[in-house]
Structures are given as structure tokens and as C-alpha cells.
Amino acid sequence: MGSTQQAGEVTVVIHFRGIDIDEDVREHLESRCHQFASEFPETTHYELTIEPDGDNVRAHGHVVGKGMNTPARANGVADSRMAGDALLEKLHTELRRVHDKRIFTQRRKEQKKRANHEL
């Protein structure tokens, strides 16, 4: 079963596959996704899936936004909340890398332009 919640232009979809739906976990993960969306305004869609993996739980997800499609996964975690948190930590790291690369690339281009005009 999936859940969709929209806040402005950001969509969060969380699937629990083959595992009991935990509303506390869903609310926690949705809240964190909305925090990420405020930190990374270029993101528009978050999709997370939590499912059993033998005796453990795994999670995978991706974030879509302007010029990005960022995937991540977390395997071998004890419960659905920990799996979701591990997944979101990985997604946050990737989003930060993509975001910083975009910003610093633009800054470097502007610095080169200014340096060329000064010559």
C-alpha cells in the first residue's frame, strides 16, 4: 500500500510492501522528506519503499527534481523505521552532493567570466 501527501509542489509517496503499515514510521519519514524539500528546493518528488529482506528490512527510494533523479538503498536493517532513516541519510548525502555540485559549478563559471573580463 502506498501513501501520497503533497505540500505545495512536493510529493511524498511511501510504500510498505509485504510488511505491516506503520503510521508512526510513515509520518516520521514524510516529515523528514519535507525537511529535505525545504533544504533542497529543486526536489519535487520523493518515493520510498520499505519491505522485508529475510529476517531484516530493506528500503529503497529515489528523489526527482529539476535536473536530478537520485536513487539510494539501505539493506539488512532491523526494523522499518531504522531502514527508512538509513535510506534517508544516504539520500541526504547524495542530494547534498548534487546540490553543491550545481551551485559551485555555477559559481566557478561566473568567476571565470569575471576573470576573463578583467584581462
PDB file of N, CA and C in Angstrom:
ATOM      1  N   MET A   1       0.829  -1.184   0.000  1.00  0.00           N
ATOM      2  CA  MET A   1       0.000   0.000   0.000  1.00  0.00           C
ATOM      3  C   MET A   1       0.868   1.239   0.000  1.00  0.00           C
ATOM      4  N   GLY A   2       0.479   2.237  -0.724  1.00  0.00           N
ATOM      5  CA  GLY A   2       1.231   3.480  -0.772  1.00  0.00           C
ATOM      6  C   GLY A   2       0.445   4.623  -0.171  1.00  0.00           C
ATOM      7  N   SER A   3       1.159   5.655   0.160  1.00  0.00           N
ATOM      8  CA  SER A   3       0.548   6.867   0.705  1.00  0.00           C
ATOM      9  C   SER A   3       1.130   8.034  -0.059  1.00  0.00           C
ATOM     10  N   THR A   4       0.282   8.977  -0.409  1.00  0.00           N
ATOM     11  CA  THR A   4       0.754  10.167  -1.103  1.00  0.00           C
ATOM     12  C   THR A   4       0.315  11.386  -0.324  1.00  0.00           C
ATOM     13  N   GLN A   5       1.243  12.305  -0.130  1.00  0.00           N
ATOM     14  CA  GLN A   5       0.914  13.570   0.517  1.00  0.00           C
ATOM     15  C   GLN A   5       1.643  14.650  -0.231  1.00  0.00           C
ATOM     16  N   GLN A   6       0.937  15.736  -0.550  1.00  0.00           N
ATOM     17  CA  GLN A   6       1.555  16.829  -1.277  1.00  0.00           C
ATOM     18  C   GLN A   6       1.631  18.055  -0.386  1.00  0.00           C
ATOM     19  N   ALA A   7       2.752  18.736  -0.432  1.00  0.00           N
ATOM     20  CA  ALA A   7       2.920  20.006   0.271  1.00  0.00           C
ATOM     21  C   ALA A   7       3.436  20.984  -0.759  1.00  0.00           C
ATOM     22  N   GLY A   8       2.575  21.854  -1.238  1.00  0.00           N
ATOM     23  CA  GLY A   8       2.979  22.735  -2.328  1.00  0.00           C
ATOM     24  C   GLY A   8       3.201  21.891  -3.565  1.00  0.00           C
ATOM     25  N   GLU A   9       4.425  21.906  -4.074  1.00  0.00           N
ATOM     26  CA  GLU A   9       4.739  21.135  -5.268  1.00  0.00           C
ATOM     27  C   GLU A   9       5.531  19.879  -4.962  1.00  0.00           C
ATOM     28  N   VAL A  10       5.717  19.545  -3.702  1.00  0.00           N
ATOM     29  CA  VAL A  10       6.488  18.366  -3.325  1.00  0.00           C
ATOM     30  C   VAL A  10       5.540  17.205  -3.037  1.00  0.00           C
ATOM     31  N   THR A  11       5.817  16.064  -3.650  1.00  0.00           N
ATOM     32  CA  THR A  11       5.020  14.860  -3.444  1.00  0.00           C
ATOM     33  C   THR A  11       5.866  13.832  -2.706  1.00  0.00           C
ATOM     34  N   VAL A  12       5.286  13.224  -1.680  1.00  0.00           N
ATOM     35  CA  VAL A  12       5.958  12.161  -0.934  1.00  0.00           C
ATOM     36  C   VAL A  12       5.102  10.908  -1.046  1.00  0.00           C
ATOM     37  N   VAL A  13       5.688   9.812  -1.540  1.00  0.00           N
ATOM     38  CA  VAL A  13       4.991   8.537  -1.668  1.00  0.00           C
ATOM     39  C   VAL A  13       5.784   7.506  -0.887  1.00  0.00           C
ATOM     40  N   ILE A  14       5.116   6.819   0.039  1.00  0.00           N
ATOM     41  CA  ILE A  14       5.776   5.794   0.843  1.00  0.00           C
ATOM     42  C   ILE A  14       5.002   4.498   0.684  1.00  0.00           C
ATOM     43  N   HIS A  15       5.720   3.442   0.267  1.00  0.00           N
ATOM     44  CA  HIS A  15       5.124   2.119   0.084  1.00  0.00           C
ATOM     45  C   HIS A  15       5.637   1.192   1.179  1.00  0.00           C
ATOM     46  N   PHE A  16       4.735   0.409   1.752  1.00  0.00           N
ATOM     47  CA  PHE A  16       5.111  -0.683   2.644  1.00  0.00           C
ATOM     48  C   PHE A  16       4.722  -1.960   1.892  1.00  0.00           C
ATOM     49  N   ARG A  17       5.707  -2.726   1.434  1.00  0.00           N
ATOM     50  CA  ARG A  17       5.432  -3.934   0.650  1.00  0.00           C
ATOM     51  C   ARG A  17       5.735  -5.169   1.487  1.00  0.00           C
ATOM     52  N   GLY A  18       4.720  -6.015   1.667  1.00  0.00           N
ATOM     53  CA  GLY A  18       4.923  -7.256   2.396  1.00  0.00           C
ATOM     54  C   GLY A  18       5.246  -7.043   3.864  1.00  0.00           C
ATOM     55  N   ILE A  19       4.876  -5.904   4.384  1.00  0.00           N
ATOM     56  CA  ILE A  19       5.172  -5.552   5.775  1.00  0.00           C
ATOM     57  C   ILE A  19       3.989  -4.720   6.281  1.00  0.00           C
ATOM     58  N   ASP A  20       3.705  -4.828   7.571  1.00  0.00           N
ATOM     59  CA  ASP A  20       2.597  -4.068   8.140  1.00  0.00           C
ATOM     60  C   ASP A  20       2.841  -2.566   8.005  1.00  0.00           C
ATOM     61  N   ILE A  21       1.793  -1.836   7.670  1.00  0.00           N
ATOM     62  CA  ILE A  21       1.881  -0.381   7.562  1.00  0.00           C
ATOM     63  C   ILE A  21       2.000   0.196   8.965  1.00  0.00           C
ATOM     64  N   ASP A  22       2.987   1.022   9.161  1.00  0.00           N
ATOM     65  CA  ASP A  22       3.221   1.652  10.451  1.00  0.00           C
ATOM     66  C   ASP A  22       3.057   3.158  10.274  1.00  0.00           C
ATOM     67  N   GLU A  23       1.942   3.699  10.771  1.00  0.00           N
ATOM     68  CA  GLU A  23       1.643   5.116  10.572  1.00  0.00           C
ATOM     69  C   GLU A  23       2.661   6.029  11.246  1.00  0.00           C
ATOM     70  N   ASP A  24       3.212   5.610  12.381  1.00  0.00           N
ATOM     71  CA  ASP A  24       4.240   6.426  13.041  1.00  0.00           C
ATOM     72  C   ASP A  24       5.476   6.538  12.164  1.00  0.00           C
ATOM     73  N   VAL A  25       5.869   5.428  11.552  1.00  0.00           N
ATOM     74  CA  VAL A  25       7.030   5.438  10.651  1.00  0.00           C
ATOM     75  C   VAL A  25       6.724   6.286   9.431  1.00  0.00           C
ATOM     76  N   ARG A  26       5.532   6.124   8.881  1.00  0.00           N
ATOM     77  CA  ARG A  26       5.133   6.905   7.697  1.00  0.00           C
ATOM     78  C   ARG A  26       5.209   8.404   7.997  1.00  0.00           C
ATOM     79  N   GLU A  27       4.634   8.821   9.114  1.00  0.00           N
ATOM     80  CA  GLU A  27       4.648  10.241   9.478  1.00  0.00           C
ATOM     81  C   GLU A  27       6.072  10.748   9.693  1.00  0.00           C
ATOM     82  N   HIS A  28       6.894   9.943  10.347  1.00  0.00           N
ATOM     83  CA  HIS A  28       8.293  10.308  10.589  1.00  0.00           C
ATOM     84  C   HIS A  28       9.038  10.504   9.266  1.00  0.00           C
ATOM     85  N   LEU A  29       8.884   9.552   8.337  1.00  0.00           N
ATOM     86  CA  LEU A  29       9.580   9.627   7.051  1.00  0.00           C
ATOM     87  C   LEU A  29       9.054  10.788   6.203  1.00  0.00           C
ATOM     88  N   GLU A  30       7.743  10.995   6.198  1.00  0.00           N
ATOM     89  CA  GLU A  30       7.173  12.123   5.454  1.00  0.00           C
ATOM     90  C   GLU A  30       7.715  13.447   5.987  1.00  0.00           C
ATOM     91  N   SER A  31       7.787  13.555   7.295  1.00  0.00           N
ATOM     92  CA  SER A  31       8.305  14.773   7.913  1.00  0.00           C
ATOM     93  C   SER A  31       9.744  15.035   7.488  1.00  0.00           C
ATOM     94  N   ARG A  32      10.561  14.003   7.507  1.00  0.00           N
ATOM     95  CA  ARG A  32      11.963  14.163   7.097  1.00  0.00           C
ATOM     96  C   ARG A  32      12.066  14.530   5.618  1.00  0.00           C
ATOM     97  N   CYS A  33      11.220  13.934   4.770  1.00  0.00           N
ATOM     98  CA  CYS A  33      11.239  14.265   3.340  1.00  0.00           C
ATOM     99  C   CYS A  33      10.875  15.741   3.133  1.00  0.00           C
ATOM    100  N   HIS A  34       9.911  16.242   3.880  1.00  0.00           N
ATOM    101  CA  HIS A  34       9.536  17.652   3.755  1.00  0.00           C
ATOM    102  C   HIS A  34      10.661  18.563   4.245  1.00  0.00           C
ATOM    103  N   GLN A  35      11.398  18.128   5.269  1.00  0.00           N
ATOM    104  CA  GLN A  35      12.563  18.897   5.712  1.00  0.00           C
ATOM    105  C   GLN A  35      13.606  18.956   4.601  1.00  0.00           C
ATOM    106  N   PHE A  36      13.835  17.809   3.942  1.00  0.00           N
ATOM    107  CA  PHE A  36      14.786  17.771   2.824  1.00  0.00           C
ATOM    108  C   PHE A  36      14.328  18.707   1.718  1.00  0.00           C
ATOM    109  N   ALA A  37      13.014  18.705   1.431  1.00  0.00           N
ATOM    110  CA  ALA A  37      12.477  19.550   0.361  1.00  0.00           C
ATOM    111  C   ALA A  37      12.701  21.026   0.657  1.00  0.00           C
ATOM    112  N   SER A  38      12.638  21.412   1.928  1.00  0.00           N
ATOM    113  CA  SER A  38      12.900  22.821   2.248  1.00  0.00           C
ATOM    114  C   SER A  38      14.395  23.130   2.142  1.00  0.00           C
ATOM    115  N   GLU A  39      15.239  22.143   2.402  1.00  0.00           N
ATOM    116  CA  GLU A  39      16.688  22.334   2.273  1.00  0.00           C
ATOM    117  C   GLU A  39      17.134  22.295   0.811  1.00  0.00           C
ATOM    118  N   PHE A  40      16.468  21.463   0.016  1.00  0.00           N
ATOM    119  CA  PHE A  40      16.803  21.298  -1.402  1.00  0.00           C
ATOM    120  C   PHE A  40      15.562  21.643  -2.229  1.00  0.00           C
ATOM    121  N   PRO A  41      15.331  22.926  -2.503  1.00  0.00           N
ATOM    122  CA  PRO A  41      14.087  23.345  -3.163  1.00  0.00           C
ATOM    123  C   PRO A  41      13.926  22.828  -4.588  1.00  0.00           C
ATOM    124  N   GLU A  42      14.992  22.322  -5.179  1.00  0.00           N
ATOM    125  CA  GLU A  42      14.881  21.793  -6.541  1.00  0.00           C
ATOM    126  C   GLU A  42      14.202  20.419  -6.580  1.00  0.00           C
ATOM    127  N   THR A  43      13.984  19.781  -5.425  1.00  0.00           N
ATOM    128  CA  THR A  43      13.341  18.473  -5.390  1.00  0.00           C
ATOM    129  C   THR A  43      11.827  18.626  -5.488  1.00  0.00           C
ATOM    130  N   THR A  44      11.178  17.661  -6.177  1.00  0.00           N
ATOM    131  CA  THR A  44       9.727  17.729  -6.358  1.00  0.00           C
ATOM    132  C   THR A  44       9.003  16.448  -5.967  1.00  0.00           C
ATOM    133  N   HIS A  45       9.709  15.310  -5.938  1.00  0.00           N
ATOM    134  CA  HIS A  45       9.040  14.028  -5.701  1.00  0.00           C
ATOM    135  C   HIS A  45       9.959  13.092  -4.924  1.00  0.00           C
ATOM    136  N   TYR A  46       9.447  12.558  -3.825  1.00  0.00           N
ATOM    137  CA  TYR A  46      10.169  11.588  -3.005  1.00  0.00           C
ATOM    138  C   TYR A  46       9.365  10.298  -3.010  1.00  0.00           C
ATOM    139  N   GLU A  47      10.009   9.187  -3.334  1.00  0.00           N
ATOM    140  CA  GLU A  47       9.326   7.893  -3.302  1.00  0.00           C
ATOM    141  C   GLU A  47      10.192   6.894  -2.547  1.00  0.00           C
ATOM    142  N   LEU A  48       9.623   6.315  -1.486  1.00  0.00           N
ATOM    143  CA  LEU A  48      10.335   5.367  -0.634  1.00  0.00           C
ATOM    144  C   LEU A  48       9.552   4.064  -0.577  1.00  0.00           C
ATOM    145  N   THR A  49      10.268   2.935  -0.582  1.00  0.00           N
ATOM    146  CA  THR A  49       9.638   1.631  -0.439  1.00  0.00           C
ATOM    147  C   THR A  49      10.354   0.875   0.670  1.00  0.00           C
ATOM    148  N   ILE A  50       9.566   0.329   1.597  1.00  0.00           N
ATOM    149  CA  ILE A  50      10.105  -0.452   2.704  1.00  0.00           C
ATOM    150  C   ILE A  50       9.517  -1.846   2.585  1.00  0.00           C
ATOM    151  N   GLU A  51      10.397  -2.875   2.665  1.00  0.00           N
ATOM    152  CA  GLU A  51       9.939  -4.251   2.500  1.00  0.00           C
ATOM    153  C   GLU A  51      10.828  -5.207   3.279  1.00  0.00           C
ATOM    154  N   PRO A  52      10.311  -6.410   3.570  1.00  0.00           N
ATOM    155  CA  PRO A  52      11.112  -7.378   4.312  1.00  0.00           C
ATOM    156  C   PRO A  52      12.262  -7.911   3.457  1.00  0.00           C
ATOM    157  N   ASP A  53      13.325  -8.322   4.134  1.00  0.00           N
ATOM    158  CA  ASP A  53      14.504  -8.888   3.480  1.00  0.00           C
ATOM    159  C   ASP A  53      15.017 -10.004   4.395  1.00  0.00           C
ATOM    160  N   GLY A  54      14.390 -11.175   4.288  1.00  0.00           N
ATOM    161  CA  GLY A  54      14.715 -12.259   5.208  1.00  0.00           C
ATOM    162  C   GLY A  54      14.261 -11.872   6.605  1.00  0.00           C
ATOM    163  N   ASP A  55      15.182 -11.918   7.560  1.00  0.00           N
ATOM    164  CA  ASP A  55      14.863 -11.521   8.936  1.00  0.00           C
ATOM    165  C   ASP A  55      14.999 -10.018   9.154  1.00  0.00           C
ATOM    166  N   ASN A  56      15.455  -9.305   8.159  1.00  0.00           N
ATOM    167  CA  ASN A  56      15.688  -7.865   8.261  1.00  0.00           C
ATOM    168  C   ASN A  56      14.699  -7.092   7.398  1.00  0.00           C
ATOM    169  N   VAL A  57      14.954  -5.811   7.286  1.00  0.00           N
ATOM    170  CA  VAL A  57      14.127  -4.927   6.461  1.00  0.00           C
ATOM    171  C   VAL A  57      15.055  -4.161   5.533  1.00  0.00           C
ATOM    172  N   ARG A  58      14.604  -3.915   4.324  1.00  0.00           N
ATOM    173  CA  ARG A  58      15.377  -3.086   3.397  1.00  0.00           C
ATOM    174  C   ARG A  58      14.487  -1.948   2.911  1.00  0.00           C
ATOM    175  N   ALA A  59      15.135  -0.896   2.468  1.00  0.00           N
ATOM    176  CA  ALA A  59      14.410   0.263   1.954  1.00  0.00           C
ATOM    177  C   ALA A  59      15.125   0.759   0.710  1.00  0.00           C
ATOM    178  N   HIS A  60      14.365   1.199  -0.241  1.00  0.00           N
ATOM    179  CA  HIS A  60      14.956   1.858  -1.407  1.00  0.00           C
ATOM    180  C   HIS A  60      14.054   3.019  -1.789  1.00  0.00           C
ATOM    181  N   GLY A  61      14.672   3.979  -2.433  1.00  0.00           N
ATOM    182  CA  GLY A  61      13.909   5.149  -2.808  1.00  0.00           C
ATOM    183  C   GLY A  61      14.648   6.007  -3.794  1.00  0.00           C
ATOM    184  N   HIS A  62      13.964   6.998  -4.280  1.00  0.00           N
ATOM    185  CA  HIS A  62      14.600   7.973  -5.162  1.00  0.00           C
ATOM    186  C   HIS A  62      13.898   9.321  -5.016  1.00  0.00           C
ATOM    187  N   VAL A  63      14.662  10.327  -5.366  1.00  0.00           N
ATOM    188  CA  VAL A  63      14.179  11.694  -5.316  1.00  0.00           C
ATOM    189  C   VAL A  63      14.310  12.266  -6.722  1.00  0.00           C
ATOM    190  N   VAL A  64      13.254  12.895  -7.177  1.00  0.00           N
ATOM    191  CA  VAL A  64      13.232  13.500  -8.500  1.00  0.00           C
ATOM    192  C   VAL A  64      13.065  15.002  -8.318  1.00  0.00           C
ATOM    193  N   GLY A  65      13.724  15.739  -9.174  1.00  0.00           N
ATOM    194  CA  GLY A  65      13.612  17.187  -9.135  1.00  0.00           C
ATOM    195  C   GLY A  65      14.190  17.789 -10.392  1.00  0.00           C
ATOM    196  N   LYS A  66      14.370  19.078 -10.368  1.00  0.00           N
ATOM    197  CA  LYS A  66      14.905  19.789 -11.515  1.00  0.00           C
ATOM    198  C   LYS A  66      16.309  19.282 -11.836  1.00  0.00           C
ATOM    199  N   GLY A  67      16.425  18.572 -12.950  1.00  0.00           N
ATOM    200  CA  GLY A  67      17.719  18.066 -13.399  1.00  0.00           C
ATOM    201  C   GLY A  67      18.303  16.969 -12.533  1.00  0.00           C
ATOM    202  N   MET A  68      17.471  16.228 -11.785  1.00  0.00           N
ATOM    203  CA  MET A  68      18.007  15.171 -10.931  1.00  0.00           C
ATOM    204  C   MET A  68      17.050  13.997 -10.817  1.00  0.00           C
ATOM    205  N   ASN A  69      17.622  12.846 -10.613  1.00  0.00           N
ATOM    206  CA  ASN A  69      16.909  11.619 -10.277  1.00  0.00           C
ATOM    207  C   ASN A  69      17.880  10.831  -9.415  1.00  0.00           C
ATOM    208  N   THR A  70      17.756  10.949  -8.103  1.00  0.00           N
ATOM    209  CA  THR A  70      18.744  10.432  -7.165  1.00  0.00           C
ATOM    210  C   THR A  70      18.215   9.196  -6.454  1.00  0.00           C
ATOM    211  N   PRO A  71      18.833   8.016  -6.682  1.00  0.00           N
ATOM    212  CA  PRO A  71      18.409   6.794  -6.003  1.00  0.00           C
ATOM    213  C   PRO A  71      19.300   6.473  -4.797  1.00  0.00           C
ATOM    214  N   ALA A  72      18.765   5.636  -3.908  1.00  0.00           N
ATOM    215  CA  ALA A  72      19.557   5.124  -2.783  1.00  0.00           C
ATOM    216  C   ALA A  72      18.847   3.890  -2.233  1.00  0.00           C
ATOM    217  N   ARG A  73      19.605   3.099  -1.450  1.00  0.00           N
ATOM    218  CA  ARG A  73      19.004   1.933  -0.803  1.00  0.00           C
ATOM    219  C   ARG A  73      19.718   1.648   0.506  1.00  0.00           C
ATOM    220  N   ALA A  74      18.987   0.975   1.401  1.00  0.00           N
ATOM    221  CA  ALA A  74      19.545   0.534   2.680  1.00  0.00           C
ATOM    222  C   ALA A  74      19.095  -0.907   2.891  1.00  0.00           C
ATOM    223  N   ASN A  75      20.033  -1.792   3.153  1.00  0.00           N
ATOM    224  CA  ASN A  75      19.733  -3.219   3.298  1.00  0.00           C
ATOM    225  C   ASN A  75      20.158  -3.738   4.663  1.00  0.00           C
ATOM    226  N   GLY A  76      19.517  -4.835   5.098  1.00  0.00           N
ATOM    227  CA  GLY A  76      19.935  -5.529   6.301  1.00  0.00           C
ATOM    228  C   GLY A  76      19.735  -4.752   7.581  1.00  0.00           C
ATOM    229  N   VAL A  77      18.642  -4.013   7.676  1.00  0.00           N
ATOM    230  CA  VAL A  77      18.375  -3.199   8.857  1.00  0.00           C
ATOM    231  C   VAL A  77      17.301  -3.891   9.699  1.00  0.00           C
ATOM    232  N   ALA A  78      17.334  -3.666  11.011  1.00  0.00           N
ATOM    233  CA  ALA A  78      16.494  -4.418  11.946  1.00  0.00           C
ATOM    234  C   ALA A  78      14.991  -4.139  11.826  1.00  0.00           C
ATOM    235  N   ASP A  79      14.587  -2.874  11.612  1.00  0.00           N
ATOM    236  CA  ASP A  79      13.155  -2.579  11.530  1.00  0.00           C
ATOM    237  C   ASP A  79      12.880  -1.493  10.492  1.00  0.00           C
ATOM    238  N   SER A  80      11.597  -1.255  10.243  1.00  0.00           N
ATOM    239  CA  SER A  80      11.221  -0.343   9.155  1.00  0.00           C
ATOM    240  C   SER A  80      11.644   1.096   9.434  1.00  0.00           C
ATOM    241  N   ARG A  81      11.566   1.548  10.667  1.00  0.00           N
ATOM    242  CA  ARG A  81      11.986   2.925  10.973  1.00  0.00           C
ATOM    243  C   ARG A  81      13.489   3.096  10.750  1.00  0.00           C
ATOM    244  N   MET A  82      14.273   2.144  11.216  1.00  0.00           N
ATOM    245  CA  MET A  82      15.723   2.218  11.029  1.00  0.00           C
ATOM    246  C   MET A  82      16.085   2.128   9.546  1.00  0.00           C
ATOM    247  N   ALA A  83      15.365   1.291   8.800  1.00  0.00           N
ATOM    248  CA  ALA A  83      15.622   1.171   7.358  1.00  0.00           C
ATOM    249  C   ALA A  83      15.308   2.488   6.654  1.00  0.00           C
ATOM    250  N   GLY A  84      14.172   3.099   7.005  1.00  0.00           N
ATOM    251  CA  GLY A  84      13.804   4.380   6.410  1.00  0.00           C
ATOM    252  C   GLY A  84      14.800   5.472   6.750  1.00  0.00           C
ATOM    253  N   ASP A  85      15.241   5.505   8.009  1.00  0.00           N
ATOM    254  CA  ASP A  85      16.234   6.512   8.419  1.00  0.00           C
ATOM    255  C   ASP A  85      17.565   6.307   7.708  1.00  0.00           C
ATOM    256  N   ALA A  86      18.004   5.051   7.594  1.00  0.00           N
ATOM    257  CA  ALA A  86      19.268   4.773   6.894  1.00  0.00           C
ATOM    258  C   ALA A  86      19.166   5.193   5.430  1.00  0.00           C
ATOM    259  N   LEU A  87      18.031   4.907   4.811  1.00  0.00           N
ATOM    260  CA  LEU A  87      17.805   5.306   3.421  1.00  0.00           C
ATOM    261  C   LEU A  87      17.841   6.826   3.290  1.00  0.00           C
ATOM    262  N   LEU A  88      17.161   7.522   4.179  1.00  0.00           N
ATOM    263  CA  LEU A  88      17.115   8.981   4.089  1.00  0.00           C
ATOM    264  C   LEU A  88      18.483   9.615   4.344  1.00  0.00           C
ATOM    265  N   GLU A  89      19.286   9.019   5.196  1.00  0.00           N
ATOM    266  CA  GLU A  89      20.648   9.531   5.394  1.00  0.00           C
ATOM    267  C   GLU A  89      21.452   9.428   4.094  1.00  0.00           C
ATOM    268  N   LYS A  90      21.304   8.309   3.401  1.00  0.00           N
ATOM    269  CA  LYS A  90      22.010   8.137   2.121  1.00  0.00           C
ATOM    270  C   LYS A  90      21.479   9.121   1.079  1.00  0.00           C
ATOM    271  N   LEU A  91      20.153   9.278   1.029  1.00  0.00           N
ATOM    272  CA  LEU A  91      19.573  10.231   0.081  1.00  0.00           C
ATOM    273  C   LEU A  91      20.031  11.652   0.391  1.00  0.00           C
ATOM    274  N   HIS A  92      20.096  12.000   1.661  1.00  0.00           N
ATOM    275  CA  HIS A  92      20.534  13.347   2.041  1.00  0.00           C
ATOM    276  C   HIS A  92      21.969  13.591   1.577  1.00  0.00           C
ATOM    277  N   THR A  93      22.825  12.610   1.758  1.00  0.00           N
ATOM    278  CA  THR A  93      24.216  12.743   1.319  1.00  0.00           C
ATOM    279  C   THR A  93      24.288  12.965  -0.189  1.00  0.00           C
ATOM    280  N   GLU A  94      23.514  12.201  -0.939  1.00  0.00           N
ATOM    281  CA  GLU A  94      23.512  12.343  -2.399  1.00  0.00           C
ATOM    282  C   GLU A  94      22.900  13.675  -2.826  1.00  0.00           C
ATOM    283  N   LEU A  95      21.810  14.073  -2.187  1.00  0.00           N
ATOM    284  CA  LEU A  95      21.191  15.357  -2.513  1.00  0.00           C
ATOM    285  C   LEU A  95      22.152  16.505  -2.232  1.00  0.00           C
ATOM    286  N   ARG A  96      22.872  16.450  -1.127  1.00  0.00           N
ATOM    287  CA  ARG A  96      23.848  17.486  -0.791  1.00  0.00           C
ATOM    288  C   ARG A  96      24.936  17.542  -1.856  1.00  0.00           C
ATOM    289  N   ARG A  97      25.411  16.372  -2.298  1.00  0.00           N
ATOM    290  CA  ARG A  97      26.458  16.323  -3.318  1.00  0.00           C
ATOM    291  C   ARG A  97      25.969  16.946  -4.623  1.00  0.00           C
ATOM    292  N   VAL A  98      24.778  16.570  -5.074  1.00  0.00           N
ATOM    293  CA  VAL A  98      24.217  17.093  -6.326  1.00  0.00           C
ATOM    294  C   VAL A  98      23.957  18.598  -6.204  1.00  0.00           C
ATOM    295  N   HIS A  99      23.382  19.003  -5.085  1.00  0.00           N
ATOM    296  CA  HIS A  99      23.069  20.413  -4.850  1.00  0.00           C
ATOM    297  C   HIS A  99      24.336  21.263  -4.851  1.00  0.00           C
ATOM    298  N   ASP A 100      25.339  20.828  -4.103  1.00  0.00           N
ATOM    299  CA  ASP A 100      26.594  21.580  -4.028  1.00  0.00           C
ATOM    300  C   ASP A 100      27.300  21.627  -5.376  1.00  0.00           C
ATOM    301  N   LYS A 101      27.265  20.530  -6.092  1.00  0.00           N
ATOM    302  CA  LYS A 101      27.911  20.499  -7.415  1.00  0.00           C
ATOM    303  C   LYS A 101      27.257  21.527  -8.336  1.00  0.00           C
ATOM    304  N   ARG A 102      25.940  21.592  -8.304  1.00  0.00           N
ATOM    305  CA  ARG A 102      25.214  22.552  -9.153  1.00  0.00           C
ATOM    306  C   ARG A 102      25.581  23.989  -8.766  1.00  0.00           C
ATOM    307  N   ILE A 103      25.555  24.291  -7.492  1.00  0.00           N
ATOM    308  CA  ILE A 103      25.843  25.650  -7.032  1.00  0.00           C
ATOM    309  C   ILE A 103      27.282  26.044  -7.320  1.00  0.00           C
ATOM    310  N   PHE A 104      28.234  25.171  -6.967  1.00  0.00           N
ATOM    311  CA  PHE A 104      29.631  25.529  -7.131  1.00  0.00           C
ATOM    312  C   PHE A 104      30.060  25.555  -8.595  1.00  0.00           C
ATOM    313  N   THR A 105      29.422  24.762  -9.439  1.00  0.00           N
ATOM    314  CA  THR A 105      29.705  24.812 -10.868  1.00  0.00           C
ATOM    315  C   THR A 105      29.289  26.177 -11.425  1.00  0.00           C
ATOM    316  N   GLN A 106      28.118  26.643 -11.014  1.00  0.00           N
ATOM    317  CA  GLN A 106      27.651  27.960 -11.462  1.00  0.00           C
ATOM    318  C   GLN A 106      28.581  29.062 -10.957  1.00  0.00           C
ATOM    319  N   ARG A 107      29.001  28.963  -9.713  1.00  0.00           N
ATOM    320  CA  ARG A 107      29.901  29.982  -9.165  1.00  0.00           C
ATOM    321  C   ARG A 107      31.229  30.006  -9.902  1.00  0.00           C
ATOM    322  N   ARG A 108      31.764  28.815 -10.194  1.00  0.00           N
ATOM    323  CA  ARG A 108      33.045  28.753 -10.918  1.00  0.00           C
ATOM    324  C   ARG A 108      32.920  29.379 -12.297  1.00  0.00           C
ATOM    325  N   LYS A 109      31.796  29.126 -12.976  1.00  0.00           N
ATOM    326  CA  LYS A 109      31.577  29.724 -14.299  1.00  0.00           C
ATOM    327  C   LYS A 109      31.554  31.243 -14.206  1.00  0.00           C
ATOM    328  N   GLU A 110      30.851  31.769 -13.204  1.00  0.00           N
ATOM    329  CA  GLU A 110      30.783  33.217 -13.034  1.00  0.00           C
ATOM    330  C   GLU A 110      32.158  33.801 -12.697  1.00  0.00           C
ATOM    331  N   GLN A 111      32.918  33.104 -11.876  1.00  0.00           N
ATOM    332  CA  GLN A 111      34.257  33.584 -11.530  1.00  0.00           C
ATOM    333  C   GLN A 111      35.156  33.611 -12.760  1.00  0.00           C
ATOM    334  N   LYS A 112      35.054  32.589 -13.606  1.00  0.00           N
ATOM    335  CA  LYS A 112      35.854  32.551 -14.831  1.00  0.00           C
ATOM    336  C   LYS A 112      35.447  33.688 -15.768  1.00  0.00           C
ATOM    337  N   LYS A 113      34.142  33.951 -15.866  1.00  0.00           N
ATOM    338  CA  LYS A 113      33.673  35.042 -16.715  1.00  0.00           C
ATOM    339  C   LYS A 113      34.249  36.370 -16.246  1.00  0.00           C
ATOM    340  N   ARG A 114      34.178  36.617 -14.936  1.00  0.00           N
ATOM    341  CA  ARG A 114      34.690  37.858 -14.375  1.00  0.00           C
ATOM    342  C   ARG A 114      36.207  37.963 -14.582  1.00  0.00           C
ATOM    343  N   ALA A 115      36.910  36.871 -14.421  1.00  0.00           N
ATOM    344  CA  ALA A 115      38.361  36.866 -14.587  1.00  0.00           C
ATOM    345  C   ALA A 115      38.721  37.174 -16.041  1.00  0.00           C
ATOM    346  N   ASN A 116      37.974  36.636 -16.986  1.00  0.00           N
ATOM    347  CA  ASN A 116      38.229  36.888 -18.413  1.00  0.00           C
ATOM    348  C   ASN A 116      37.917  38.329 -18.796  1.00  0.00           C
ATOM    349  N   HIS A 117      36.899  38.920 -18.172  1.00  0.00           N
ATOM    350  CA  HIS A 117      36.549  40.312 -18.481  1.00  0.00           C
ATOM    351  C   HIS A 117      37.570  41.287 -17.905  1.00  0.00           C
ATOM    352  N   GLU A 118      38.220  40.891 -16.804  1.00  0.00           N
ATOM    353  CA  GLU A 118      39.206  41.769 -16.182  1.00  0.00           C
ATOM    354  C   GLU A 118      40.521  41.794 -16.956  1.00  0.00           C
ATOM    355  N   LEU A 119      40.756  40.772 -17.754  1.00  0.00           N
ATOM    356  CA  LEU A 119      42.015  40.709 -18.507  1.00  0.00           C
ATOM    357  C   LEU A 119      42.041  41.619 -19.661  1.00  0.00           C
TER     358      LEU A 119
END
